Amino acid sequence: MSISSITSTALSAMRAQTTRVGAIADHFANSSTPGYARVNTSLTSVVSAGVQVVVSPTASDVDPATELTDLIEAEQSYKANAVVFETGADMWEMLMSIKRD
């Protein structure tokens, strides 16, 4: 696996978590709207494309405890992938520096 594919995968995972956080924000914003049902966000690993997010409607109501737990999980995942991305970028920069010298 190359450095560019590692950073690309980390970036796609961060984008997926951003989508997930957006869905959670919608849940909180619309929780008191009559007839509103939360959506489910599923993350899937795709070999050639990194991480894919699928948003699908559910029949369940918004549960604040579940939403907060999901938000914490999304935040931690985003942070972990940001570290992977930054490490890959640092490695790429180091390789380019070695190549120039």
C-alpha atoms as a PDB file:
ATOM      1  CA  MET A   1       0.000   0.000   0.000  1.00  0.00           C
ATOM      2  CA  SER A   2       1.428   3.366  -1.001  1.00  0.00           C
ATOM      3  CA  ILE A   3       1.545   6.517   1.063  1.00  0.00           C
ATOM      4  CA  SER A   4      -0.892   8.212  -1.312  1.00  0.00           C
ATOM      5  CA  SER A   5      -3.442   5.409  -0.921  1.00  0.00           C
ATOM      6  CA  ILE A   6      -3.087   5.580   2.863  1.00  0.00           C
ATOM      7  CA  THR A   7      -3.725   9.322   2.905  1.00  0.00           C
ATOM      8  CA  SER A   8      -6.567   8.915   0.411  1.00  0.00           C
ATOM      9  CA  THR A   9      -8.223   6.289   2.611  1.00  0.00           C
ATOM     10  CA  ALA A  10      -7.827   8.477   5.702  1.00  0.00           C
ATOM     11  CA  LEU A  11      -9.310  11.446   3.834  1.00  0.00           C
ATOM     12  CA  SER A  12     -12.312   9.414   2.666  1.00  0.00           C
ATOM     13  CA  ALA A  13     -12.857   8.225   6.242  1.00  0.00           C
ATOM     14  CA  MET A  14     -12.794  11.831   7.496  1.00  0.00           C
ATOM     15  CA  ARG A  15     -15.352  12.782   4.826  1.00  0.00           C
ATOM     16  CA  ALA A  16     -17.544   9.844   5.873  1.00  0.00           C
ATOM     17  CA  GLN A  17     -17.398  10.936   9.516  1.00  0.00           C
ATOM     18  CA  THR A  18     -18.312  14.480   8.454  1.00  0.00           C
ATOM     19  CA  THR A  19     -21.430  13.082   6.765  1.00  0.00           C
ATOM     20  CA  ARG A  20     -22.196  11.095   9.896  1.00  0.00           C
ATOM     21  CA  VAL A  21     -21.882  14.172  12.126  1.00  0.00           C
ATOM     22  CA  GLY A  22     -24.185  16.072   9.762  1.00  0.00           C
ATOM     23  CA  ALA A  23     -26.821  13.363  10.145  1.00  0.00           C
ATOM     24  CA  ILE A  24     -26.465  13.497  13.933  1.00  0.00           C
ATOM     25  CA  ALA A  25     -26.898  17.288  13.856  1.00  0.00           C
ATOM     26  CA  ASP A  26     -30.064  16.826  11.779  1.00  0.00           C
ATOM     27  CA  HIS A  27     -31.343  14.359  14.359  1.00  0.00           C
ATOM     28  CA  PHE A  28     -30.916  16.858  17.181  1.00  0.00           C
ATOM     29  CA  ALA A  29     -32.332  19.747  15.147  1.00  0.00           C
ATOM     30  CA  ASN A  30     -35.425  17.821  14.073  1.00  0.00           C
ATOM     31  CA  SER A  31     -36.038  15.582  17.087  1.00  0.00           C
ATOM     32  CA  SER A  32     -39.160  17.487  18.116  1.00  0.00           C
ATOM     33  CA  THR A  33     -40.551  17.721  14.568  1.00  0.00           C
ATOM     34  CA  PRO A  34     -43.699  15.583  14.304  1.00  0.00           C
ATOM     35  CA  GLY A  35     -43.150  12.584  12.050  1.00  0.00           C
ATOM     36  CA  TYR A  36     -39.369  12.988  11.865  1.00  0.00           C
ATOM     37  CA  ALA A  37     -37.447   9.707  11.862  1.00  0.00           C
ATOM     38  CA  ARG A  38     -33.714   9.459  12.191  1.00  0.00           C
ATOM     39  CA  VAL A  39     -31.479   8.173   9.410  1.00  0.00           C
ATOM     40  CA  ASN A  40     -28.896   5.465   9.783  1.00  0.00           C
ATOM     41  CA  THR A  41     -25.353   6.059   8.562  1.00  0.00           C
ATOM     42  CA  SER A  42     -23.365   2.958   7.700  1.00  0.00           C
ATOM     43  CA  LEU A  43     -19.660   3.080   6.918  1.00  0.00           C
ATOM     44  CA  THR A  44     -18.194   0.467   4.621  1.00  0.00           C
ATOM     45  CA  SER A  45     -14.612  -0.184   3.630  1.00  0.00           C
ATOM     46  CA  VAL A  46     -14.177  -0.170  -0.148  1.00  0.00           C
ATOM     47  CA  VAL A  47     -10.896  -1.578  -1.449  1.00  0.00           C
ATOM     48  CA  SER A  48     -10.321   0.934  -4.232  1.00  0.00           C
ATOM     49  CA  ALA A  49     -12.123   3.926  -2.743  1.00  0.00           C
ATOM     50  CA  GLY A  50     -11.410   3.960   0.997  1.00  0.00           C
ATOM     51  CA  VAL A  51     -14.499   4.419   3.135  1.00  0.00           C
ATOM     52  CA  GLN A  52     -18.020   4.753   1.771  1.00  0.00           C
ATOM     53  CA  VAL A  53     -20.949   6.095   3.763  1.00  0.00           C
ATOM     54  CA  VAL A  54     -24.525   5.014   3.109  1.00  0.00           C
ATOM     55  CA  VAL A  55     -27.367   7.046   4.605  1.00  0.00           C
ATOM     56  CA  SER A  56     -30.688   5.225   4.869  1.00  0.00           C
ATOM     57  CA  PRO A  57     -33.983   6.128   6.550  1.00  0.00           C
ATOM     58  CA  THR A  58     -35.120   4.236   9.618  1.00  0.00           C
ATOM     59  CA  ALA A  59     -38.375   4.044  11.499  1.00  0.00           C
ATOM     60  CA  SER A  60     -36.762   4.766  14.856  1.00  0.00           C
ATOM     61  CA  ASP A  61     -37.118   7.891  16.933  1.00  0.00           C
ATOM     62  CA  VAL A  62     -34.217  10.103  17.967  1.00  0.00           C
ATOM     63  CA  ASP A  63     -32.609   8.993  21.225  1.00  0.00           C
ATOM     64  CA  PRO A  64     -30.296  11.705  22.641  1.00  0.00           C
ATOM     65  CA  ALA A  65     -28.064   9.163  24.417  1.00  0.00           C
ATOM     66  CA  THR A  66     -27.531   7.211  21.179  1.00  0.00           C
ATOM     67  CA  GLU A  67     -26.855  10.417  19.259  1.00  0.00           C
ATOM     68  CA  LEU A  68     -24.269  11.612  21.791  1.00  0.00           C
ATOM     69  CA  THR A  69     -22.543   8.227  21.762  1.00  0.00           C
ATOM     70  CA  ASP A  70     -22.472   8.251  17.953  1.00  0.00           C
ATOM     71  CA  LEU A  71     -21.119  11.805  17.994  1.00  0.00           C
ATOM     72  CA  ILE A  72     -18.274  10.859  20.338  1.00  0.00           C
ATOM     73  CA  GLU A  73     -17.451   7.840  18.178  1.00  0.00           C
ATOM     74  CA  ALA A  74     -17.455   9.951  15.004  1.00  0.00           C
ATOM     75  CA  GLU A  75     -15.203  12.551  16.634  1.00  0.00           C
ATOM     76  CA  GLN A  76     -12.675   9.938  17.768  1.00  0.00           C
ATOM     77  CA  SER A  77     -12.664   8.266  14.366  1.00  0.00           C
ATOM     78  CA  TYR A  78     -12.176  11.605  12.613  1.00  0.00           C
ATOM     79  CA  LYS A  79      -9.265  12.484  14.910  1.00  0.00           C
ATOM     80  CA  ALA A  80      -7.617   9.086  14.376  1.00  0.00           C
ATOM     81  CA  ASN A  81      -7.889   9.404  10.595  1.00  0.00           C
ATOM     82  CA  ALA A  82      -6.561  12.965  10.760  1.00  0.00           C
ATOM     83  CA  VAL A  83      -3.458  11.620  12.524  1.00  0.00           C
ATOM     84  CA  VAL A  84      -3.051   8.943   9.840  1.00  0.00           C
ATOM     85  CA  PHE A  85      -3.413  11.589   7.124  1.00  0.00           C
ATOM     86  CA  GLU A  86      -0.881  13.926   8.775  1.00  0.00           C
ATOM     87  CA  THR A  87       1.584  11.074   9.298  1.00  0.00           C
ATOM     88  CA  GLY A  88       1.264  10.060   5.650  1.00  0.00           C
ATOM     89  CA  ALA A  89       1.802  13.661   4.559  1.00  0.00           C
ATOM     90  CA  ASP A  90       4.881  13.905   6.782  1.00  0.00           C
ATOM     91  CA  MET A  91       6.256  10.661   5.328  1.00  0.00           C
ATOM     92  CA  TRP A  92       5.612  11.925   1.798  1.00  0.00           C
ATOM     93  CA  GLU A  93       7.430  15.183   2.588  1.00  0.00           C
ATOM     94  CA  MET A  94      10.375  13.246   4.036  1.00  0.00           C
ATOM     95  CA  LEU A  95      10.584  11.028   0.954  1.00  0.00           C
ATOM     96  CA  MET A  96      10.526  14.061  -1.323  1.00  0.00           C
ATOM     97  CA  SER A  97      13.266  15.670   0.760  1.00  0.00           C
ATOM     98  CA  ILE A  98      15.430  12.555   0.438  1.00  0.00           C
ATOM     99  CA  LYS A  99      14.796  12.440  -3.299  1.00  0.00           C
ATOM    100  CA  ARG A 100      15.831  16.105  -3.712  1.00  0.00           C
ATOM    101  CA  ASP A 101      19.093  15.579  -1.813  1.00  0.00           C
END
